[in-house]
Protein backbone atom coordinates (compact mmCIF):
# COMPACT_ATOMS: atom_id res chain seq x y z
CA MET A 1 5.89 -16.94 8.78
CA LYS A 2 4.58 -14.47 6.72
CA THR A 3 6.61 -10.66 6.98
CA THR A 4 4.29 -7.89 7.41
CA ALA A 5 5.31 -4.45 6.49
CA THR A 6 5.10 -3.27 10.18
CA GLN A 7 7.76 -5.87 10.56
CA LEU A 8 10.17 -4.29 7.85
CA ARG A 9 12.76 -1.61 8.94
CA ALA A 10 14.02 0.62 6.03
CA ASP A 11 17.44 -0.37 6.00
CA ARG A 12 18.86 -2.19 2.73
CA VAL A 13 19.94 -5.74 4.65
CA HIS A 14 16.92 -6.08 6.62
CA VAL A 15 14.59 -5.08 3.31
CA ALA A 16 16.28 -7.87 1.68
CA THR A 17 15.97 -10.61 3.97
CA CYS A 18 12.11 -9.76 4.29
CA LEU A 19 11.75 -9.91 0.55
CA ARG A 20 13.42 -13.21 0.51
CA ASN A 21 11.43 -14.66 3.47
CA CYS A 22 8.27 -13.66 1.36
CA GLY A 23 9.85 -15.22 -1.59
CA ILE A 24 10.79 -12.04 -3.32
CA THR A 25 14.05 -12.24 -5.38
CA PRO A 26 15.63 -9.07 -3.73
CA THR A 27 16.91 -7.27 -6.63
CA GLN A 28 18.71 -3.65 -6.21
CA GLN A 29 15.84 -2.02 -7.31
CA ARG A 30 13.29 -3.89 -5.44
CA VAL A 31 15.39 -3.18 -2.45
CA ARG A 32 15.73 0.13 -2.95
CA ILE A 33 11.78 0.60 -3.63
CA GLY A 34 11.23 -1.45 -0.16
CA GLU A 35 13.71 1.13 1.36
CA VAL A 36 11.76 3.99 0.26
CA LEU A 37 8.43 2.48 1.23
CA PHE A 38 8.97 1.09 4.78
CA ALA A 39 10.61 4.07 6.13
CA LYS A 40 7.35 5.08 7.70
CA ALA A 41 3.68 4.24 7.49
CA GLN A 42 2.59 6.19 4.44
CA HIS A 43 -0.04 6.25 1.76
CA VAL A 44 2.01 6.80 -1.82
CA SER A 45 1.20 6.67 -5.18
CA ALA A 46 3.24 4.73 -8.00
CA GLU A 47 4.25 8.05 -8.97
CA GLN A 48 5.58 9.42 -5.90
CA VAL A 49 7.52 6.06 -5.29
CA LEU A 50 9.03 6.52 -8.59
CA ALA A 51 10.05 10.16 -7.41
CA MET A 52 11.20 9.35 -4.15
CA VAL A 53 13.28 6.58 -5.72
CA ASN A 54 14.95 8.50 -8.11
CA LYS A 55 15.61 11.32 -5.97
CA ASP A 56 19.21 10.61 -5.32
CA GLN A 57 19.81 9.95 -9.11
CA GLU A 58 19.44 6.18 -9.10
CA GLU A 59 17.28 5.22 -12.13
CA VAL A 60 14.64 2.90 -11.52
CA SER A 61 12.18 2.60 -14.42
CA LYS A 62 8.25 3.43 -13.99
CA ALA A 63 7.77 -0.07 -15.29
CA THR A 64 9.68 -1.41 -12.44
CA VAL A 65 8.01 0.61 -9.90
CA TYR A 66 4.83 -0.51 -10.93
CA ASN A 67 5.38 -4.10 -11.22
CA THR A 68 7.38 -4.03 -7.75
CA LEU A 69 4.46 -2.37 -6.08
CA GLY A 70 2.27 -5.10 -7.80
CA LEU A 71 4.71 -7.60 -6.36
CA PHE A 72 4.83 -6.55 -2.96
CA ALA A 73 0.90 -6.06 -2.71
CA LYS A 74 0.49 -9.66 -4.10
CA ASN A 75 2.67 -10.99 -1.56
CA GLY A 76 1.12 -8.93 1.66
CA LEU A 77 3.38 -6.47 1.71
CA LEU A 78 1.50 -3.55 1.10
CA ASN A 79 -2.26 -2.91 0.70
CA GLU A 80 -3.69 -1.56 -2.72
CA VAL A 81 -6.24 1.18 -2.03
CA ILE A 82 -8.01 1.86 -5.34
CA ILE A 83 -10.18 5.64 -5.02
CA GLU A 84 -10.91 5.06 -8.60
CA PRO A 85 -9.78 3.00 -11.70
CA SER A 86 -6.92 5.89 -12.48
CA LYS A 87 -5.70 6.39 -8.94
CA VAL A 88 -4.25 4.00 -6.52
CA PHE A 89 -2.21 4.38 -3.27
CA TYR A 90 -0.05 1.53 -1.98
CA ASP A 91 -0.73 1.47 2.12
CA THR A 92 2.34 0.40 4.42
CA ASN A 93 0.10 0.20 6.89
CA LEU A 94 -1.20 -3.61 7.08
CA GLU A 95 -3.21 -3.07 10.20
CA LYS A 96 -7.24 -3.24 9.58
CA HIS A 97 -8.41 -0.02 9.03
CA HIS A 98 -10.42 2.08 6.80
CA HIS A 99 -9.74 5.51 5.01
CA LEU A 100 -10.55 9.30 4.43
CA TYR A 101 -9.91 10.61 0.95
CA HIS A 102 -9.51 14.04 0.67
CA ILE A 103 -10.58 14.83 -2.98
CA ASP A 104 -9.19 18.26 -2.91
CA SER A 105 -5.87 17.46 -1.36
CA GLY A 106 -5.70 14.01 -3.28
CA THR A 107 -4.57 12.79 0.00
CA LEU A 108 -5.32 9.40 2.06
CA GLU A 109 -5.97 9.37 5.77
CA ASP A 110 -6.37 6.49 8.13
CA ILE A 111 -9.57 5.81 10.38
CA SER A 112 -9.14 2.74 12.84
CA ALA A 113 -11.31 0.41 12.10
CA GLY A 114 -13.52 0.66 15.41
CA GLN A 115 -14.35 4.01 14.09
CA VAL A 116 -16.59 2.47 11.57
CA LYS A 117 -19.65 0.52 12.08
CA ILE A 118 -20.94 -1.66 9.52
CA GLU A 119 -24.50 -2.67 10.56
CA GLN A 120 -25.24 -5.29 7.72
CA LEU A 121 -24.28 -6.55 4.42
CA PRO A 122 -26.19 -7.29 1.28
CA GLU A 123 -26.54 -11.02 0.81
CA LEU A 124 -23.44 -12.65 -1.10
CA PRO A 125 -24.04 -14.36 -4.51
CA HIS A 126 -24.10 -18.17 -4.35
CA GLY A 127 -20.72 -19.62 -4.11
CA THR A 128 -18.78 -16.85 -2.61
CA GLU A 129 -17.57 -15.74 1.00
CA LEU A 130 -16.75 -12.43 2.11
CA GLU A 131 -12.86 -11.74 2.40
CA ASP A 132 -13.10 -8.14 3.59
CA VAL A 133 -14.89 -4.94 3.62
CA ASP A 134 -13.12 -1.62 3.09
CA VAL A 135 -14.44 1.76 3.51
CA ILE A 136 -13.38 4.80 1.71
CA ILE A 137 -15.12 8.08 2.67
CA ARG A 138 -14.37 10.96 0.11
CA LEU A 139 -14.20 14.23 1.70
CA ARG A 140 -14.56 17.70 -0.18
CA LYS A 141 -13.64 21.09 1.39
CA SER A 142 -16.95 22.98 1.78
CA SER A 143 -17.75 26.25 0.55
């Protein structure tokens, strides 16, 4: 049975158990990152995770945070939301949904899947199949 982020709680023992269940070795740094991530549903950048993890004087390296976020995403504990090549958010909400990206504040907001209707998709290249469609609506404050 695959563990999902919605099943995770933020306590250390539970995070470690869930990581083990996903085939991830629960190192001290990975568990600490999991505690921060799964404390609530949120969209966070790697830099925000780094700041949250290290606020209590624990030193987790930037490389460890990036590698752990990638590992968690690869194992289905997070979704990567790529706003642009240099701007990636990690989303702990694994339910099907879309996003509003507020350009001015740099924040991401969930939109329920039922609020977006896609009428038609283009013909897919030969030898491919549709896996998913993610919609990101970019907003800017009007002047």
